[in-house]
Amino acid sequence: MNMKTKPHFAAIVLGALLAGGPSLGWSQDSAKQDMKDAGHDTKTAAKDVGHGTKTGTKKAYNATKHGTKKAWNKTKNTTKGAADGAKDGAQKPSQ
């Protein structure tokens, strides 16, 4: 290279660096924002899962409670009926 092309070459390299510099800065901001967005999405998904689990647990609890009460009442009524039937049978003379 001769003396006249050295300043031109330096100016071209400097210009290329200056032109490409802002794009590197913007890509970093974009990546940072992407990470923030991913974090917010994960948080929202975790909340949705928690609410779904809570709702499912409540439904299961209430269904179990209802079934237990129903079984208890059936057992109580059947036992009472059997006891009454046995009492009636004991009072009647056998033939």
PDB file of N, CA and C in Angstrom:
ATOM      1  N   MET A   1       0.841  -1.177   0.000  1.00  0.00           N
ATOM      2  CA  MET A   1       0.000   0.000   0.000  1.00  0.00           C
ATOM      3  C   MET A   1       0.879   1.231   0.000  1.00  0.00           C
ATOM      4  N   ASN A   2       0.414   2.152  -0.742  1.00  0.00           N
ATOM      5  CA  ASN A   2       1.197   3.388  -0.755  1.00  0.00           C
ATOM      6  C   ASN A   2       0.602   4.356   0.267  1.00  0.00           C
ATOM      7  N   MET A   3       1.208   5.480   0.366  1.00  0.00           N
ATOM      8  CA  MET A   3       0.838   6.470   1.374  1.00  0.00           C
ATOM      9  C   MET A   3      -0.554   7.035   1.164  1.00  0.00           C
ATOM     10  N   LYS A   4      -1.022   7.078  -0.065  1.00  0.00           N
ATOM     11  CA  LYS A   4      -2.327   7.688  -0.321  1.00  0.00           C
ATOM     12  C   LYS A   4      -3.466   6.726   0.036  1.00  0.00           C
ATOM     13  N   THR A   5      -3.278   5.443  -0.039  1.00  0.00           N
ATOM     14  CA  THR A   5      -4.355   4.495   0.232  1.00  0.00           C
ATOM     15  C   THR A   5      -4.499   4.170   1.714  1.00  0.00           C
ATOM     16  N   LYS A   6      -3.466   4.387   2.510  1.00  0.00           N
ATOM     17  CA  LYS A   6      -3.560   4.094   3.946  1.00  0.00           C
ATOM     18  C   LYS A   6      -4.656   4.915   4.624  1.00  0.00           C
ATOM     19  N   PRO A   7      -4.780   6.196   4.416  1.00  0.00           N
ATOM     20  CA  PRO A   7      -5.865   6.933   5.068  1.00  0.00           C
ATOM     21  C   PRO A   7      -7.232   6.486   4.567  1.00  0.00           C
ATOM     22  N   HIS A   8      -7.338   6.141   3.275  1.00  0.00           N
ATOM     23  CA  HIS A   8      -8.627   5.682   2.746  1.00  0.00           C
ATOM     24  C   HIS A   8      -9.019   4.343   3.383  1.00  0.00           C
ATOM     25  N   PHE A   9      -8.049   3.456   3.509  1.00  0.00           N
ATOM     26  CA  PHE A   9      -8.310   2.144   4.097  1.00  0.00           C
ATOM     27  C   PHE A   9      -8.744   2.293   5.558  1.00  0.00           C
ATOM     28  N   ALA A  10      -8.038   3.144   6.287  1.00  0.00           N
ATOM     29  CA  ALA A  10      -8.382   3.378   7.687  1.00  0.00           C
ATOM     30  C   ALA A  10      -9.771   3.989   7.810  1.00  0.00           C
ATOM     31  N   ALA A  11     -10.110   4.896   6.907  1.00  0.00           N
ATOM     32  CA  ALA A  11     -11.432   5.518   6.940  1.00  0.00           C
ATOM     33  C   ALA A  11     -12.520   4.490   6.638  1.00  0.00           C
ATOM     34  N   ILE A  12     -12.276   3.580   5.731  1.00  0.00           N
ATOM     35  CA  ILE A  12     -13.254   2.549   5.390  1.00  0.00           C
ATOM     36  C   ILE A  12     -13.466   1.602   6.575  1.00  0.00           C
ATOM     37  N   VAL A  13     -12.375   1.179   7.189  1.00  0.00           N
ATOM     38  CA  VAL A  13     -12.486   0.273   8.341  1.00  0.00           C
ATOM     39  C   VAL A  13     -13.198   0.966   9.489  1.00  0.00           C
ATOM     40  N   LEU A  14     -12.840   2.207   9.763  1.00  0.00           N
ATOM     41  CA  LEU A  14     -13.481   2.969  10.835  1.00  0.00           C
ATOM     42  C   LEU A  14     -14.968   3.163  10.543  1.00  0.00           C
ATOM     43  N   GLY A  15     -15.294   3.464   9.314  1.00  0.00           N
ATOM     44  CA  GLY A  15     -16.695   3.638   8.929  1.00  0.00           C
ATOM     45  C   GLY A  15     -17.495   2.345   9.092  1.00  0.00           C
ATOM     46  N   ALA A  16     -16.885   1.239   8.725  1.00  0.00           N
ATOM     47  CA  ALA A  16     -17.566  -0.053   8.872  1.00  0.00           C
ATOM     48  C   ALA A  16     -17.813  -0.375  10.344  1.00  0.00           C
ATOM     49  N   LEU A  17     -16.838  -0.100  11.176  1.00  0.00           N
ATOM     50  CA  LEU A  17     -17.009  -0.357  12.606  1.00  0.00           C
ATOM     51  C   LEU A  17     -18.089   0.532  13.211  1.00  0.00           C
ATOM     52  N   LEU A  18     -18.075   1.806  12.805  1.00  0.00           N
ATOM     53  CA  LEU A  18     -19.090   2.720  13.336  1.00  0.00           C
ATOM     54  C   LEU A  18     -20.491   2.358  12.837  1.00  0.00           C
ATOM     55  N   ALA A  19     -20.581   1.899  11.609  1.00  0.00           N
ATOM     56  CA  ALA A  19     -21.883   1.521  11.057  1.00  0.00           C
ATOM     57  C   ALA A  19     -22.403   0.245  11.710  1.00  0.00           C
ATOM     58  N   GLY A  20     -21.530  -0.677  12.029  1.00  0.00           N
ATOM     59  CA  GLY A  20     -21.947  -1.940  12.638  1.00  0.00           C
ATOM     60  C   GLY A  20     -22.097  -1.874  14.139  1.00  0.00           C
ATOM     61  N   GLY A  21     -21.559  -0.888  14.767  1.00  0.00           N
ATOM     62  CA  GLY A  21     -21.593  -0.760  16.227  1.00  0.00           C
ATOM     63  C   GLY A  21     -23.000  -0.663  16.797  1.00  0.00           C
ATOM     64  N   PRO A  22     -23.835   0.228  16.284  1.00  0.00           N
ATOM     65  CA  PRO A  22     -25.180   0.339  16.860  1.00  0.00           C
ATOM     66  C   PRO A  22     -25.994  -0.942  16.714  1.00  0.00           C
ATOM     67  N   SER A  23     -25.803  -1.679  15.641  1.00  0.00           N
ATOM     68  CA  SER A  23     -26.575  -2.911  15.479  1.00  0.00           C
ATOM     69  C   SER A  23     -26.198  -3.935  16.549  1.00  0.00           C
ATOM     70  N   LEU A  24     -24.943  -3.953  16.971  1.00  0.00           N
ATOM     71  CA  LEU A  24     -24.545  -4.853  18.046  1.00  0.00           C
ATOM     72  C   LEU A  24     -25.216  -4.450  19.356  1.00  0.00           C
ATOM     73  N   GLY A  25     -25.305  -3.178  19.612  1.00  0.00           N
ATOM     74  CA  GLY A  25     -25.972  -2.690  20.818  1.00  0.00           C
ATOM     75  C   GLY A  25     -27.458  -2.997  20.802  1.00  0.00           C
ATOM     76  N   TRP A  26     -28.097  -2.873  19.659  1.00  0.00           N
ATOM     77  CA  TRP A  26     -29.538  -3.157  19.560  1.00  0.00           C
ATOM     78  C   TRP A  26     -29.808  -4.638  19.740  1.00  0.00           C
ATOM     79  N   SER A  27     -28.932  -5.481  19.234  1.00  0.00           N
ATOM     80  CA  SER A  27     -29.163  -6.918  19.378  1.00  0.00           C
ATOM     81  C   SER A  27     -29.033  -7.333  20.836  1.00  0.00           C
ATOM     82  N   GLN A  28     -28.178  -6.671  21.597  1.00  0.00           N
ATOM     83  CA  GLN A  28     -28.059  -6.984  23.012  1.00  0.00           C
ATOM     84  C   GLN A  28     -29.325  -6.572  23.742  1.00  0.00           C
ATOM     85  N   ASP A  29     -29.872  -5.407  23.425  1.00  0.00           N
ATOM     86  CA  ASP A  29     -31.109  -4.972  24.058  1.00  0.00           C
ATOM     87  C   ASP A  29     -32.243  -5.922  23.704  1.00  0.00           C
ATOM     88  N   SER A  30     -32.273  -6.378  22.470  1.00  0.00           N
ATOM     89  CA  SER A  30     -33.313  -7.297  22.023  1.00  0.00           C
ATOM     90  C   SER A  30     -33.204  -8.622  22.778  1.00  0.00           C
ATOM     91  N   ALA A  31     -31.994  -9.128  22.958  1.00  0.00           N
ATOM     92  CA  ALA A  31     -31.793 -10.384  23.680  1.00  0.00           C
ATOM     93  C   ALA A  31     -32.201 -10.215  25.145  1.00  0.00           C
ATOM     94  N   LYS A  32     -31.857  -9.081  25.701  1.00  0.00           N
ATOM     95  CA  LYS A  32     -32.220  -8.819  27.095  1.00  0.00           C
ATOM     96  C   LYS A  32     -33.731  -8.774  27.240  1.00  0.00           C
ATOM     97  N   GLN A  33     -34.409  -8.115  26.319  1.00  0.00           N
ATOM     98  CA  GLN A  33     -35.868  -8.031  26.369  1.00  0.00           C
ATOM     99  C   GLN A  33     -36.495  -9.404  26.142  1.00  0.00           C
ATOM    100  N   ASP A  34     -35.893 -10.200  25.253  1.00  0.00           N
ATOM    101  CA  ASP A  34     -36.387 -11.555  25.024  1.00  0.00           C
ATOM    102  C   ASP A  34     -36.309 -12.381  26.306  1.00  0.00           C
ATOM    103  N   MET A  35     -35.230 -12.229  27.043  1.00  0.00           N
ATOM    104  CA  MET A  35     -35.079 -12.960  28.312  1.00  0.00           C
ATOM    105  C   MET A  35     -36.122 -12.496  29.328  1.00  0.00           C
ATOM    106  N   LYS A  36     -36.360 -11.195  29.376  1.00  0.00           N
ATOM    107  CA  LYS A  36     -37.385 -10.679  30.286  1.00  0.00           C
ATOM    108  C   LYS A  36     -38.752 -11.228  29.906  1.00  0.00           C
ATOM    109  N   ASP A  37     -39.060 -11.215  28.622  1.00  0.00           N
ATOM    110  CA  ASP A  37     -40.340 -11.731  28.150  1.00  0.00           C
ATOM    111  C   ASP A  37     -40.486 -13.215  28.490  1.00  0.00           C
ATOM    112  N   ALA A  38     -39.424 -13.965  28.319  1.00  0.00           N
ATOM    113  CA  ALA A  38     -39.461 -15.396  28.644  1.00  0.00           C
ATOM    114  C   ALA A  38     -39.715 -15.595  30.134  1.00  0.00           C
ATOM    115  N   GLY A  39     -39.103 -14.771  30.956  1.00  0.00           N
ATOM    116  CA  GLY A  39     -39.320 -14.846  32.401  1.00  0.00           C
ATOM    117  C   GLY A  39     -40.764 -14.543  32.776  1.00  0.00           C
ATOM    118  N   HIS A  40     -41.333 -13.517  32.152  1.00  0.00           N
ATOM    119  CA  HIS A  40     -42.725 -13.166  32.424  1.00  0.00           C
ATOM    120  C   HIS A  40     -43.665 -14.285  31.959  1.00  0.00           C
ATOM    121  N   ASP A  41     -43.378 -14.871  30.798  1.00  0.00           N
ATOM    122  CA  ASP A  41     -44.204 -15.968  30.286  1.00  0.00           C
ATOM    123  C   ASP A  41     -44.146 -17.178  31.219  1.00  0.00           C
ATOM    124  N   THR A  42     -42.956 -17.464  31.733  1.00  0.00           N
ATOM    125  CA  THR A  42     -42.802 -18.583  32.662  1.00  0.00           C
ATOM    126  C   THR A  42     -43.575 -18.329  33.944  1.00  0.00           C
ATOM    127  N   LYS A  43     -43.513 -17.103  34.427  1.00  0.00           N
ATOM    128  CA  LYS A  43     -44.237 -16.749  35.647  1.00  0.00           C
ATOM    129  C   LYS A  43     -45.739 -16.908  35.440  1.00  0.00           C
ATOM    130  N   THR A  44     -46.235 -16.437  34.314  1.00  0.00           N
ATOM    131  CA  THR A  44     -47.661 -16.538  34.011  1.00  0.00           C
ATOM    132  C   THR A  44     -48.079 -17.998  33.900  1.00  0.00           C
ATOM    133  N   ALA A  45     -47.264 -18.809  33.248  1.00  0.00           N
ATOM    134  CA  ALA A  45     -47.581 -20.232  33.105  1.00  0.00           C
ATOM    135  C   ALA A  45     -47.608 -20.920  34.463  1.00  0.00           C
ATOM    136  N   ALA A  46     -46.673 -20.572  35.334  1.00  0.00           N
ATOM    137  CA  ALA A  46     -46.642 -21.174  36.670  1.00  0.00           C
ATOM    138  C   ALA A  46     -47.892 -20.795  37.466  1.00  0.00           C
ATOM    139  N   LYS A  47     -48.332 -19.554  37.331  1.00  0.00           N
ATOM    140  CA  LYS A  47     -49.561 -19.129  38.012  1.00  0.00           C
ATOM    141  C   LYS A  47     -50.761 -19.908  37.492  1.00  0.00           C
ATOM    142  N   ASP A  48     -50.841 -20.088  36.183  1.00  0.00           N
ATOM    143  CA  ASP A  48     -51.944 -20.832  35.587  1.00  0.00           C
ATOM    144  C   ASP A  48     -51.967 -22.277  36.089  1.00  0.00           C
ATOM    145  N   VAL A  49     -50.797 -22.896  36.171  1.00  0.00           N
ATOM    146  CA  VAL A  49     -50.713 -24.267  36.671  1.00  0.00           C
ATOM    147  C   VAL A  49     -51.153 -24.316  38.133  1.00  0.00           C
ATOM    148  N   GLY A  50     -50.713 -23.350  38.925  1.00  0.00           N
ATOM    149  CA  GLY A  50     -51.096 -23.304  40.340  1.00  0.00           C
ATOM    150  C   GLY A  50     -52.596 -23.163  40.518  1.00  0.00           C
ATOM    151  N   HIS A  51     -53.211 -22.302  39.721  1.00  0.00           N
ATOM    152  CA  HIS A  51     -54.659 -22.111  39.820  1.00  0.00           C
ATOM    153  C   HIS A  51     -55.397 -23.373  39.395  1.00  0.00           C
ATOM    154  N   GLY A  52     -54.915 -24.027  38.348  1.00  0.00           N
ATOM    155  CA  GLY A  52     -55.539 -25.271  37.901  1.00  0.00           C
ATOM    156  C   GLY A  52     -55.435 -26.364  38.949  1.00  0.00           C
ATOM    157  N   THR A  53     -54.278 -26.455  39.598  1.00  0.00           N
ATOM    158  CA  THR A  53     -54.078 -27.450  40.647  1.00  0.00           C
ATOM    159  C   THR A  53     -55.005 -27.173  41.826  1.00  0.00           C
ATOM    160  N   LYS A  54     -55.127 -25.918  42.180  1.00  0.00           N
ATOM    161  CA  LYS A  54     -55.991 -25.540  43.298  1.00  0.00           C
ATOM    162  C   LYS A  54     -57.442 -25.912  42.999  1.00  0.00           C
ATOM    163  N   THR A  55     -57.906 -25.602  41.794  1.00  0.00           N
ATOM    164  CA  THR A  55     -59.277 -25.897  41.404  1.00  0.00           C
ATOM    165  C   THR A  55     -59.522 -27.406  41.396  1.00  0.00           C
ATOM    166  N   GLY A  56     -58.603 -28.158  40.819  1.00  0.00           N
ATOM    167  CA  GLY A  56     -58.741 -29.615  40.776  1.00  0.00           C
ATOM    168  C   GLY A  56     -58.755 -30.227  42.159  1.00  0.00           C
ATOM    169  N   THR A  57     -57.917 -29.721  43.040  1.00  0.00           N
ATOM    170  CA  THR A  57     -57.850 -30.229  44.407  1.00  0.00           C
ATOM    171  C   THR A  57     -59.151 -29.951  45.141  1.00  0.00           C
ATOM    172  N   LYS A  58     -59.699 -28.742  44.973  1.00  0.00           N
ATOM    173  CA  LYS A  58     -60.969 -28.406  45.616  1.00  0.00           C
ATOM    174  C   LYS A  58     -62.086 -29.321  45.131  1.00  0.00           C
ATOM    175  N   LYS A  59     -62.138 -29.549  43.813  1.00  0.00           N
ATOM    176  CA  LYS A  59     -63.183 -30.412  43.261  1.00  0.00           C
ATOM    177  C   LYS A  59     -63.056 -31.835  43.805  1.00  0.00           C
ATOM    178  N   ALA A  60     -61.841 -32.342  43.856  1.00  0.00           N
ATOM    179  CA  ALA A  60     -61.619 -33.700  44.361  1.00  0.00           C
ATOM    180  C   ALA A  60     -62.001 -33.787  45.838  1.00  0.00           C
ATOM    181  N   TYR A  61     -61.635 -32.780  46.612  1.00  0.00           N
ATOM    182  CA  TYR A  61     -61.971 -32.757  48.039  1.00  0.00           C
ATOM    183  C   TYR A  61     -63.479 -32.755  48.231  1.00  0.00           C
ATOM    184  N   ASN A  62     -64.172 -31.883  47.497  1.00  0.00           N
ATOM    185  CA  ASN A  62     -65.630 -31.789  47.656  1.00  0.00           C
ATOM    186  C   ASN A  62     -66.323 -33.069  47.202  1.00  0.00           C
ATOM    187  N   ALA A  63     -65.847 -33.685  46.128  1.00  0.00           N
ATOM    188  CA  ALA A  63     -66.443 -34.930  45.666  1.00  0.00           C
ATOM    189  C   ALA A  63     -66.230 -36.045  46.688  1.00  0.00           C
ATOM    190  N   THR A  64     -65.054 -36.104  47.280  1.00  0.00           N
ATOM    191  CA  THR A  64     -64.772 -37.114  48.299  1.00  0.00           C
ATOM    192  C   THR A  64     -65.641 -36.885  49.529  1.00  0.00           C
ATOM    193  N   LYS A  65     -65.762 -35.647  49.929  1.00  0.00           N
ATOM    194  CA  LYS A  65     -66.586 -35.304  51.090  1.00  0.00           C
ATOM    195  C   LYS A  65     -68.037 -35.712  50.850  1.00  0.00           C
ATOM    196  N   HIS A  66     -68.554 -35.401  49.660  1.00  0.00           N
ATOM    197  CA  HIS A  66     -69.937 -35.741  49.318  1.00  0.00           C
ATOM    198  C   HIS A  66     -70.122 -37.259  49.305  1.00  0.00           C
ATOM    199  N   GLY A  67     -69.186 -37.970  48.700  1.00  0.00           N
ATOM    200  CA  GLY A  67     -69.276 -39.434  48.647  1.00  0.00           C
ATOM    201  C   GLY A  67     -69.209 -40.060  50.024  1.00  0.00           C
ATOM    202  N   THR A  68     -68.388 -39.523  50.893  1.00  0.00           N
ATOM    203  CA  THR A  68     -68.262 -40.048  52.249  1.00  0.00           C
ATOM    204  C   THR A  68     -69.563 -39.847  53.020  1.00  0.00           C
ATOM    205  N   LYS A  69     -70.161 -38.657  52.905  1.00  0.00           N
ATOM    206  CA  LYS A  69     -71.440 -38.392  53.585  1.00  0.00           C
ATOM    207  C   LYS A  69     -72.536 -39.314  53.062  1.00  0.00           C
ATOM    208  N   LYS A  70     -72.564 -39.513  51.753  1.00  0.00           N
ATOM    209  CA  LYS A  70     -73.571 -40.366  51.131  1.00  0.00           C
ATOM    210  C   LYS A  70     -73.414 -41.804  51.623  1.00  0.00           C
ATOM    211  N   ALA A  71     -72.186 -42.294  51.669  1.00  0.00           N
ATOM    212  CA  ALA A  71     -71.933 -43.658  52.144  1.00  0.00           C
ATOM    213  C   ALA A  71     -72.300 -43.797  53.613  1.00  0.00           C
ATOM    214  N   TRP A  72     -71.981 -42.782  54.408  1.00  0.00           N
ATOM    215  CA  TRP A  72     -72.300 -42.817  55.836  1.00  0.00           C
ATOM    216  C   TRP A  72     -73.806 -42.879  56.042  1.00  0.00           C
ATOM    217  N   ASN A  73     -74.546 -42.052  55.300  1.00  0.00           N
ATOM    218  CA  ASN A  73     -76.007 -42.060  55.431  1.00  0.00           C
ATOM    219  C   ASN A  73     -76.594 -43.401  54.978  1.00  0.00           C
ATOM    220  N   LYS A  74     -76.086 -43.950  53.885  1.00  0.00           N
ATOM    221  CA  LYS A  74     -76.566 -45.254  53.407  1.00  0.00           C
ATOM    222  C   LYS A  74     -76.307 -46.333  54.461  1.00  0.00           C
ATOM    223  N   THR A  75     -75.125 -46.327  55.038  1.00  0.00           N
ATOM    224  CA  THR A  75     -74.771 -47.318  56.051  1.00  0.00           C
ATOM    225  C   THR A  75     -75.661 -47.172  57.272  1.00  0.00           C
ATOM    226  N   LYS A  76     -75.876 -45.931  57.684  1.00  0.00           N
ATOM    227  CA  LYS A  76     -76.725 -45.667  58.849  1.00  0.00           C
ATOM    228  C   LYS A  76     -78.142 -46.183  58.595  1.00  0.00           C
ATOM    229  N   ASN A  77     -78.702 -45.865  57.425  1.00  0.00           N
ATOM    230  CA  ASN A  77     -80.061 -46.293  57.117  1.00  0.00           C
ATOM    231  C   ASN A  77     -80.161 -47.804  56.975  1.00  0.00           C
ATOM    232  N   THR A  78     -79.171 -48.424  56.363  1.00  0.00           N
ATOM    233  CA  THR A  78     -79.184 -49.878  56.189  1.00  0.00           C
ATOM    234  C   THR A  78     -79.058 -50.574  57.540  1.00  0.00           C
ATOM    235  N   THR A  79     -78.181 -50.074  58.389  1.00  0.00           N
ATOM    236  CA  THR A  79     -77.999 -50.663  59.714  1.00  0.00           C
ATOM    237  C   THR A  79     -79.283 -50.538  60.527  1.00  0.00           C
ATOM    238  N   LYS A  80     -79.908 -49.373  60.467  1.00  0.00           N
ATOM    239  CA  LYS A  80     -81.160 -49.153  61.197  1.00  0.00           C
ATOM    240  C   LYS A  80     -82.242 -50.090  60.665  1.00  0.00           C
ATOM    241  N   GLY A  81     -82.315 -50.237  59.343  1.00  0.00           N
ATOM    242  CA  GLY A  81     -83.299 -51.138  58.746  1.00  0.00           C
ATOM    243  C   GLY A  81     -83.060 -52.580  59.144  1.00  0.00           C
ATOM    244  N   ALA A  82     -81.805 -52.969  59.165  1.00  0.00           N
ATOM    245  CA  ALA A  82     -81.480 -54.347  59.553  1.00  0.00           C
ATOM    246  C   ALA A  82     -81.810 -54.574  61.024  1.00  0.00           C
ATOM    247  N   ALA A  83     -81.511 -53.603  61.854  1.00  0.00           N
ATOM    248  CA  ALA A  83     -81.805 -53.742  63.282  1.00  0.00           C
ATOM    249  C   ALA A  83     -83.314 -53.794  63.512  1.00  0.00           C
ATOM    250  N   ASP A  84     -84.058 -52.952  62.821  1.00  0.00           N
ATOM    251  CA  ASP A  84     -85.513 -52.961  62.955  1.00  0.00           C
ATOM    252  C   ASP A  84     -86.088 -54.277  62.450  1.00  0.00           C
ATOM    253  N   GLY A  85     -85.536 -54.754  61.340  1.00  0.00           N
ATOM    254  CA  GLY A  85     -86.005 -56.038  60.807  1.00  0.00           C
ATOM    255  C   GLY A  85     -85.701 -57.180  61.755  1.00  0.00           C
ATOM    256  N   ALA A  86     -84.557 -57.175  62.374  1.00  0.00           N
ATOM    257  CA  ALA A  86     -84.193 -58.220  63.324  1.00  0.00           C
ATOM    258  C   ALA A  86     -85.086 -58.144  64.551  1.00  0.00           C
ATOM    259  N   LYS A  87     -85.393 -56.932  64.986  1.00  0.00           N
ATOM    260  CA  LYS A  87     -86.263 -56.737  66.143  1.00  0.00           C
ATOM    261  C   LYS A  87     -87.651 -57.280  65.832  1.00  0.00           C
ATOM    262  N   ASP A  88     -88.165 -56.943  64.635  1.00  0.00           N
ATOM    263  CA  ASP A  88     -89.481 -57.431  64.233  1.00  0.00           C
ATOM    264  C   ASP A  88     -89.476 -58.953  64.130  1.00  0.00           C
ATOM    265  N   GLY A  89     -88.413 -59.501  63.592  1.00  0.00           N
ATOM    266  CA  GLY A  89     -88.317 -60.947  63.466  1.00  0.00           C
ATOM    267  C   GLY A  89     -88.242 -61.641  64.795  1.00  0.00           C
ATOM    268  N   ALA A  90     -87.618 -61.020  65.777  1.00  0.00           N
ATOM    269  CA  ALA A  90     -87.485 -61.616  67.098  1.00  0.00           C
ATOM    270  C   ALA A  90     -88.815 -61.565  67.843  1.00  0.00           C
ATOM    271  N   GLN A  91     -89.639 -60.568  67.556  1.00  0.00           N
ATOM    272  CA  GLN A  91     -90.919 -60.439  68.250  1.00  0.00           C
ATOM    273  C   GLN A  91     -91.964 -61.370  67.667  1.00  0.00           C
ATOM    274  N   LYS A  92     -91.883 -61.751  66.426  1.00  0.00           N
ATOM    275  CA  LYS A  92     -92.859 -62.628  65.803  1.00  0.00           C
ATOM    276  C   LYS A  92     -92.507 -64.085  66.138  1.00  0.00           C
ATOM    277  N   PRO A  93     -93.503 -64.834  66.494  1.00  0.00           N
ATOM    278  CA  PRO A  93     -93.199 -66.256  66.749  1.00  0.00           C
ATOM    279  C   PRO A  93     -92.890 -66.962  65.436  1.00  0.00           C
ATOM    280  N   SER A  94     -91.995 -67.869  65.491  1.00  0.00           N
ATOM    281  CA  SER A  94     -91.650 -68.599  64.274  1.00  0.00           C
ATOM    282  C   SER A  94     -92.672 -69.702  64.069  1.00  0.00           C
ATOM    283  N   GLN A  95     -92.920 -70.061  62.861  1.00  0.00           N
ATOM    284  CA  GLN A  95     -93.964 -71.041  62.572  1.00  0.00           C
ATOM    285  C   GLN A  95     -93.435 -72.402  62.380  1.00  0.00           C
TER     286      GLN A  95
END
